[in-house]
Amino acid sequence: MKIEKTTAPSKLGEITLYKLTNATGASVTLSSLGAGIVAVEVPDKNGKIDDVCIGYKNPADYIDDGPCAGKVPGRYANRIAKGHFTLDGKEYTLAINNGPNALHGGPTGFMNHIWNSSADEATGQVTFTLDSPDGDEGYPGNLKAKATYTWSDDCKLTLKLEAETDAPTVVNLTNHAYWNLEGHNAGSIFDHEMWLGASRYLPTDDTLIPTGELAPVEGTPMDFTTAKKIGRDIKQDFPALVYGKGYDNCWVVDGYEKGQLKHVATLCSEPSGRVLEVSTTQPAAQVYTGNWLAGSPENKAGRSYEDYDGVAIECQNFPDAPNHQNFPNPVLRPGEKFEETIEFSFKTK
């Protein structure tokens, strides 16, 4: 594995970029800002290599970007209702940064920090670490977070997410990369076909906070248990699609068992022949169809993205789980270890 290291300036300090190129010439570029994925260059069915990951021209433009493109949000990814949760009888207050709710750990969440980093050519790995102090954005406990990426010769990008704490806290870590299998600058992903191994989803209120129900997808526009084009039902008059201006919902992984890797999603672009298979040890996947990408920073091709130019498949715990006893437990305690895996496997057909 060839690993090239470069740096770029930013208002937060020096950003380190790592480009990992495998034996086939396919590559992944990672950034110490937000432990992020900033490029994934893989071949189409004819062998033509394109970058299929939404991203920006200037590495510093990932700071405070609305879409959270490619980065690891935290301490708690997704939303927490009204920025409040109670843990062991004590109430905690978080920054409000998404309507009335807290999103992705707050405005100075993990995605807007430069992580410590190191690379190992022998293993094809890049490791990022971040220390989050007690009280960071309102969260309790000193938390040590770690994100390890591995790029293989068969074009599989594996992300291992880890965390440890010295006091009880809540943790939800994921990656927020957006994909367009025609190429990051190709426009709408409405013609991409998607399959989800999820027969239930989480209905929400109009601020995208789960109601607590795990509802069947059958007979609704939320049903991707048989592959269909993303754009087929996205404009239907259905609460979830109206509230989010498209898909921005959490699907429950069928057959979830803690620690067991499950194939949860397949994304396919017929013209390019590219296929992305997503597997995870996590209980859910938030699918977000880039409904608010317009106005994002200048992209790698020198233009701004439009809404629906990419789709994110964010494997994670349920949003607002600290406030729902029937959701998977998001609490991490001293002596325990948060340890989850996400795999992005790129193929052609």
Protein backbone atom coordinates (compact mmCIF):
# COMPACT_ATOMS: atom_id res chain seq x y z
CA MET A 1 0.00 0.00 0.00
CA LYS A 2 1.38 3.39 -1.00
CA ILE A 3 0.60 6.23 1.41
CA GLU A 4 1.32 9.85 0.48
CA LYS A 5 1.20 12.49 3.21
CA THR A 6 0.57 16.19 2.61
CA THR A 7 -0.52 19.13 4.76
CA ALA A 8 -2.81 22.14 4.36
CA PRO A 9 -3.29 25.24 6.52
CA SER A 10 -6.51 26.13 8.33
CA LYS A 11 -7.73 28.42 11.10
CA LEU A 12 -7.65 25.41 13.43
CA GLY A 13 -4.05 24.56 12.59
CA GLU A 14 -2.32 22.27 10.12
CA ILE A 15 -4.51 19.63 8.46
CA THR A 16 -2.79 16.36 7.52
CA LEU A 17 -3.99 14.50 4.43
CA TYR A 18 -3.22 10.86 3.64
CA LYS A 19 -3.70 9.35 0.18
CA LEU A 20 -3.75 5.53 0.23
CA THR A 21 -3.31 3.89 -3.19
CA ASN A 22 -3.80 0.15 -3.53
CA ALA A 23 -2.26 -2.30 -5.99
CA THR A 24 -5.00 -1.63 -8.57
CA GLY A 25 -4.45 2.15 -8.56
CA ALA A 26 -7.67 2.89 -6.66
CA SER A 27 -7.23 5.33 -3.80
CA VAL A 28 -8.74 6.88 -0.70
CA THR A 29 -7.79 10.28 0.73
CA LEU A 30 -8.31 10.90 4.44
CA SER A 31 -8.07 14.11 6.47
CA SER A 32 -7.13 14.75 10.09
CA LEU A 33 -9.90 17.37 10.16
CA GLY A 34 -12.84 15.43 11.54
CA ALA A 35 -11.06 12.11 10.82
CA GLY A 36 -12.69 12.52 7.42
CA ILE A 37 -12.93 10.81 4.04
CA VAL A 38 -12.31 13.48 1.39
CA ALA A 39 -11.90 11.36 -1.76
CA VAL A 40 -12.49 7.80 -2.95
CA GLU A 41 -11.22 7.15 -6.48
CA VAL A 42 -12.40 3.82 -7.85
CA PRO A 43 -12.93 2.33 -11.34
CA ASP A 44 -16.21 2.01 -13.22
CA LYS A 45 -17.19 -1.04 -15.29
CA ASN A 46 -14.82 0.12 -18.07
CA GLY A 47 -11.89 0.69 -15.72
CA LYS A 48 -12.22 4.49 -15.71
CA ILE A 49 -11.34 5.89 -12.29
CA ASP A 50 -13.47 8.67 -10.77
CA ASP A 51 -13.82 10.21 -7.34
CA VAL A 52 -17.19 9.08 -5.95
CA CYS A 53 -17.07 10.93 -2.61
CA ILE A 54 -18.64 14.38 -2.20
CA GLY A 55 -16.02 16.89 -1.06
CA TYR A 56 -14.46 20.32 -1.35
CA LYS A 57 -11.58 21.91 -3.23
CA ASN A 58 -9.99 23.46 -0.13
CA PRO A 59 -9.25 21.13 2.82
CA ALA A 60 -9.99 23.97 5.27
CA ASP A 61 -13.52 24.37 3.86
CA TYR A 62 -14.59 21.25 5.75
CA ILE A 63 -14.54 23.34 8.95
CA ASP A 64 -18.10 24.25 10.02
CA ASP A 65 -19.57 22.99 6.72
CA GLY A 66 -23.30 22.37 6.97
CA PRO A 67 -23.26 18.96 5.25
CA CYS A 68 -20.57 17.53 7.62
CA ALA A 69 -19.09 15.98 4.47
CA GLY A 70 -17.04 12.83 5.01
CA LYS A 71 -16.32 13.47 8.68
CA VAL A 72 -16.81 11.64 11.99
CA PRO A 73 -19.40 13.55 14.05
CA GLY A 74 -19.55 13.20 17.82
CA ARG A 75 -19.68 12.91 20.74
CA TYR A 76 -23.23 11.94 19.75
CA ALA A 77 -23.94 11.74 16.01
CA ASN A 78 -27.43 12.68 14.81
CA ARG A 79 -30.01 14.49 16.95
CA ILE A 80 -30.79 14.75 20.65
CA ALA A 81 -34.16 16.32 21.38
CA LYS A 82 -33.98 19.90 22.67
CA GLY A 83 -30.35 19.32 23.67
CA HIS A 84 -31.29 17.54 26.90
CA PHE A 85 -30.78 14.06 28.32
CA THR A 86 -30.68 12.53 31.79
CA LEU A 87 -28.01 10.05 32.84
CA ASP A 88 -27.91 8.39 36.27
CA GLY A 89 -30.41 10.95 37.56
CA LYS A 90 -28.48 14.02 36.40
CA GLU A 91 -29.71 16.22 33.54
CA TYR A 92 -27.24 17.44 30.93
CA THR A 93 -27.70 20.39 28.58
CA LEU A 94 -26.13 20.49 25.12
CA ALA A 95 -25.71 23.21 22.51
CA ILE A 96 -28.74 23.68 20.22
CA ASN A 97 -27.60 23.79 16.59
CA ASN A 98 -30.38 22.22 14.49
CA GLY A 99 -33.75 23.90 14.96
CA PRO A 100 -34.69 23.14 18.58
CA ASN A 101 -32.30 20.18 18.83
CA ALA A 102 -28.65 19.24 19.27
CA LEU A 103 -27.02 17.72 16.17
CA HIS A 104 -23.76 15.78 15.71
CA GLY A 105 -22.32 16.74 19.09
CA GLY A 106 -22.79 20.48 18.65
CA PRO A 107 -21.09 23.23 16.64
CA THR A 108 -17.63 22.29 17.93
CA GLY A 109 -18.26 18.56 17.77
CA PHE A 110 -15.67 15.98 16.72
CA MET A 111 -16.15 16.85 13.03
CA ASN A 112 -14.71 20.34 13.62
CA HIS A 113 -11.53 19.26 15.40
CA ILE A 114 -8.15 18.31 13.98
CA TRP A 115 -7.43 14.81 15.24
CA ASN A 116 -3.98 13.40 15.97
CA SER A 117 -2.97 11.01 13.20
CA SER A 118 -0.49 8.37 12.04
CA ALA A 119 -0.15 6.03 9.05
CA ASP A 120 1.26 2.53 8.48
CA GLU A 121 2.03 1.49 4.90
CA ALA A 122 2.56 -2.14 5.90
CA THR A 123 -1.04 -2.52 7.06
CA GLY A 124 -2.65 0.10 4.81
CA GLN A 125 -4.00 1.84 7.88
CA VAL A 126 -4.44 5.43 9.03
CA THR A 127 -5.34 6.05 12.66
CA PHE A 128 -6.89 9.21 14.10
CA THR A 129 -7.29 9.93 17.83
CA LEU A 130 -9.06 12.70 19.72
CA ASP A 131 -9.31 13.55 23.43
CA SER A 132 -12.65 15.09 24.37
CA PRO A 133 -12.55 16.70 27.85
CA ASP A 134 -15.19 16.45 30.53
CA GLY A 135 -17.92 19.00 29.77
CA ASP A 136 -17.06 19.18 26.05
CA GLU A 137 -20.22 20.63 24.43
CA GLY A 138 -22.03 19.65 27.65
CA TYR A 139 -21.17 15.93 27.64
CA PRO A 140 -19.81 14.33 30.82
CA GLY A 141 -16.55 12.42 31.18
CA ASN A 142 -13.13 12.60 29.60
CA LEU A 143 -13.53 10.59 26.39
CA LYS A 144 -10.77 9.16 24.22
CA ALA A 145 -11.97 8.53 20.65
CA LYS A 146 -10.19 6.59 17.91
CA ALA A 147 -10.95 6.09 14.21
CA THR A 148 -8.88 3.59 12.22
CA TYR A 149 -9.27 3.33 8.45
CA THR A 150 -7.97 0.39 6.41
CA TRP A 151 -7.90 0.40 2.59
CA SER A 152 -7.48 -2.95 0.84
CA ASP A 153 -6.44 -4.10 -2.63
CA ASP A 154 -10.03 -5.24 -3.29
CA CYS A 155 -11.28 -1.68 -2.69
CA LYS A 156 -12.79 -2.18 0.74
CA LEU A 157 -12.60 0.78 3.11
CA THR A 158 -13.00 -0.38 6.71
CA LEU A 159 -13.56 2.07 9.55
CA LYS A 160 -13.16 0.92 13.15
CA LEU A 161 -14.55 3.38 15.71
CA GLU A 162 -13.52 3.15 19.37
CA ALA A 163 -14.02 5.17 22.54
CA GLU A 164 -13.28 4.95 26.27
CA THR A 165 -14.37 7.21 29.13
CA ASP A 166 -13.52 7.91 32.77
CA ALA A 167 -17.14 8.75 33.71
CA PRO A 168 -20.56 7.64 32.43
CA THR A 169 -21.44 9.37 29.15
CA VAL A 170 -23.34 8.80 25.90
CA VAL A 171 -21.58 8.01 22.62
CA ASN A 172 -22.71 7.59 19.02
CA LEU A 173 -20.03 7.63 16.32
CA THR A 174 -20.37 7.19 12.56
CA ASN A 175 -18.99 8.50 9.28
CA HIS A 176 -20.88 11.11 7.27
CA ALA A 177 -19.52 10.54 3.74
CA TYR A 178 -21.80 11.26 0.78
CA TRP A 179 -21.63 9.05 -2.30
CA ASN A 180 -22.33 9.59 -5.98
CA LEU A 181 -21.25 6.50 -7.90
CA GLU A 182 -21.29 8.38 -11.22
CA GLY A 183 -18.62 10.70 -9.83
CA HIS A 184 -18.83 13.34 -7.11
CA ASN A 185 -19.59 16.09 -9.65
CA ALA A 186 -22.16 14.14 -11.69
CA GLY A 187 -25.35 15.68 -10.28
CA SER A 188 -28.47 14.07 -8.83
CA ILE A 189 -28.42 10.62 -7.24
CA PHE A 190 -32.14 10.05 -7.96
CA ASP A 191 -31.29 7.32 -10.52
CA HIS A 192 -29.09 5.39 -8.10
CA GLU A 193 -30.71 2.14 -6.97
CA MET A 194 -30.62 1.40 -3.25
CA TRP A 195 -31.37 -1.70 -1.20
CA LEU A 196 -31.63 -1.64 2.60
CA GLY A 197 -31.64 -4.67 4.88
CA ALA A 198 -34.17 -2.94 7.09
CA SER A 199 -37.87 -3.75 7.37
CA ARG A 200 -38.49 -1.05 10.01
CA TYR A 201 -37.67 2.64 10.32
CA LEU A 202 -38.04 5.36 12.96
CA PRO A 203 -40.90 7.82 12.33
CA THR A 204 -40.12 11.33 13.60
CA ASP A 205 -41.79 14.60 14.46
CA ASP A 206 -41.36 17.58 12.15
CA THR A 207 -37.96 18.39 13.74
CA LEU A 208 -36.70 14.87 12.85
CA ILE A 209 -36.73 13.57 16.43
CA PRO A 210 -37.95 9.93 16.66
CA THR A 211 -41.38 9.38 18.19
CA GLY A 212 -40.18 6.13 19.76
CA GLU A 213 -42.06 3.88 17.34
CA LEU A 214 -40.29 1.28 15.19
CA ALA A 215 -42.61 1.24 12.18
CA PRO A 216 -42.75 -1.26 9.30
CA VAL A 217 -41.60 0.07 5.94
CA GLU A 218 -43.97 -2.21 4.02
CA GLY A 219 -46.49 -0.27 1.96
CA THR A 220 -44.67 3.05 2.43
CA PRO A 221 -42.11 5.08 0.44
CA MET A 222 -39.58 4.03 3.10
CA ASP A 223 -39.45 0.47 1.75
CA PHE A 224 -36.08 -0.37 0.18
CA THR A 225 -36.18 -4.08 1.03
CA THR A 226 -36.42 -4.54 -2.74
CA ALA A 227 -33.92 -2.32 -4.54
CA LYS A 228 -35.43 0.77 -6.17
CA LYS A 229 -34.30 4.12 -7.50
CA ILE A 230 -33.84 6.72 -4.77
CA GLY A 231 -35.88 9.25 -6.73
CA ARG A 232 -38.88 6.98 -7.35
CA ASP A 233 -40.84 7.93 -4.21
CA ILE A 234 -38.83 10.81 -2.78
CA LYS A 235 -41.39 13.49 -3.69
CA GLN A 236 -44.39 11.64 -2.24
CA ASP A 237 -46.67 13.38 0.25
CA PHE A 238 -45.52 11.25 3.18
CA PRO A 239 -44.64 12.74 6.60
CA ALA A 240 -41.03 11.55 6.72
CA LEU A 241 -40.33 12.89 3.23
CA VAL A 242 -42.09 16.19 3.85
CA TYR A 243 -40.33 16.82 7.17
CA GLY A 244 -36.87 16.18 5.72
CA LYS A 245 -37.40 17.45 2.14
CA GLY A 246 -36.43 13.95 1.08
CA TYR A 247 -34.98 10.96 2.90
CA ASP A 248 -33.36 11.84 6.23
CA ASN A 249 -34.39 8.94 8.40
CA CYS A 250 -33.05 6.10 10.46
CA TRP A 251 -33.63 2.49 9.38
CA VAL A 252 -33.35 -0.42 11.83
CA VAL A 253 -30.91 -3.15 10.76
CA ASP A 254 -32.69 -6.50 10.34
CA GLY A 255 -31.23 -9.27 12.47
CA TYR A 256 -28.97 -6.95 14.43
CA GLU A 257 -26.75 -8.65 17.00
CA LYS A 258 -24.21 -6.66 19.00
CA GLY A 259 -20.70 -7.01 17.54
CA GLN A 260 -21.85 -8.91 14.45
CA LEU A 261 -21.12 -7.42 11.04
CA LYS A 262 -24.29 -7.13 8.93
CA HIS A 263 -24.74 -6.15 5.29
CA VAL A 264 -27.16 -3.22 5.60
CA ALA A 265 -27.12 -1.36 2.26
CA THR A 266 -26.28 -1.68 -1.42
CA LEU A 267 -26.04 1.37 -3.67
CA CYS A 268 -25.79 0.91 -7.43
CA SER A 269 -25.29 3.20 -10.42
CA GLU A 270 -26.33 1.42 -13.61
CA PRO A 271 -24.49 3.66 -16.14
CA SER A 272 -21.12 3.39 -14.38
CA GLY A 273 -21.63 -0.16 -13.14
CA ARG A 274 -20.28 0.87 -9.75
CA VAL A 275 -21.70 -0.81 -6.66
CA LEU A 276 -21.19 0.18 -3.03
CA GLU A 277 -21.97 -2.40 -0.34
CA VAL A 278 -22.18 -1.13 3.25
CA SER A 279 -21.86 -3.42 6.26
CA THR A 280 -21.82 -2.55 9.95
CA THR A 281 -21.89 -3.83 13.51
CA GLN A 282 -24.21 -0.95 14.45
CA PRO A 283 -28.01 -1.26 14.97
CA ALA A 284 -29.17 1.32 12.44
CA ALA A 285 -28.38 3.37 9.36
CA GLN A 286 -29.41 6.96 8.78
CA VAL A 287 -29.94 7.57 5.08
CA TYR A 288 -29.71 11.22 4.04
CA THR A 289 -30.16 12.12 0.38
CA GLY A 290 -28.28 15.43 0.52
CA ASN A 291 -31.48 17.44 0.75
CA TRP A 292 -29.62 20.61 1.83
CA LEU A 293 -26.33 20.36 -0.09
CA ALA A 294 -26.93 23.59 -2.04
CA GLY A 295 -24.75 26.41 -0.78
CA SER A 296 -21.94 24.13 0.37
CA PRO A 297 -18.32 25.20 -0.27
CA GLU A 298 -16.78 25.02 -3.74
CA ASN A 299 -16.29 21.40 -4.64
CA LYS A 300 -13.26 19.60 -6.09
CA ALA A 301 -14.46 20.46 -9.61
CA GLY A 302 -14.85 24.17 -8.85
CA ARG A 303 -18.62 24.42 -8.46
CA SER A 304 -21.10 24.17 -5.59
CA TYR A 305 -23.16 21.06 -5.13
CA GLU A 306 -26.93 21.13 -5.57
CA ASP A 307 -29.46 19.40 -3.34
CA TYR A 308 -29.57 15.61 -3.87
CA ASP A 309 -26.09 15.42 -5.48
CA GLY A 310 -25.01 12.73 -2.99
CA VAL A 311 -26.39 10.22 -0.53
CA ALA A 312 -25.02 9.45 2.95
CA ILE A 313 -25.49 6.05 4.58
CA GLU A 314 -24.53 6.68 8.22
CA CYS A 315 -24.28 3.48 10.28
CA GLN A 316 -24.91 4.32 13.93
CA ASN A 317 -27.08 3.99 17.02
CA PHE A 318 -30.61 5.45 16.97
CA PRO A 319 -30.96 9.24 17.09
CA ASP A 320 -32.10 10.58 20.48
CA ALA A 321 -31.44 7.18 22.09
CA PRO A 322 -30.49 8.80 25.44
CA ASN A 323 -34.15 9.85 25.73
CA HIS A 324 -35.77 6.52 24.71
CA GLN A 325 -35.50 3.51 26.99
CA ASN A 326 -36.67 1.17 24.21
CA PHE A 327 -33.76 2.18 21.92
CA PRO A 328 -30.32 0.49 22.01
CA ASN A 329 -28.35 1.65 25.03
CA PRO A 330 -26.01 4.58 24.12
CA VAL A 331 -24.34 4.79 27.55
CA LEU A 332 -20.60 4.15 27.87
CA ARG A 333 -19.19 3.63 31.36
CA PRO A 334 -15.65 3.48 32.76
CA GLY A 335 -14.03 0.12 32.06
CA GLU A 336 -16.22 -0.44 28.99
CA LYS A 337 -15.17 0.11 25.38
CA PHE A 338 -17.23 1.50 22.52
CA GLU A 339 -16.15 -0.53 19.49
CA GLU A 340 -18.00 -0.54 16.17
CA THR A 341 -17.10 -1.23 12.53
CA ILE A 342 -18.34 0.12 9.19
CA GLU A 343 -17.27 -1.34 5.84
CA PHE A 344 -17.60 0.38 2.46
CA SER A 345 -16.92 -2.14 -0.29
CA PHE A 346 -16.64 -0.83 -3.88
CA LYS A 347 -17.31 -3.18 -6.77
CA THR A 348 -18.45 -3.15 -10.40
CA LYS A 349 -20.98 -5.14 -12.34
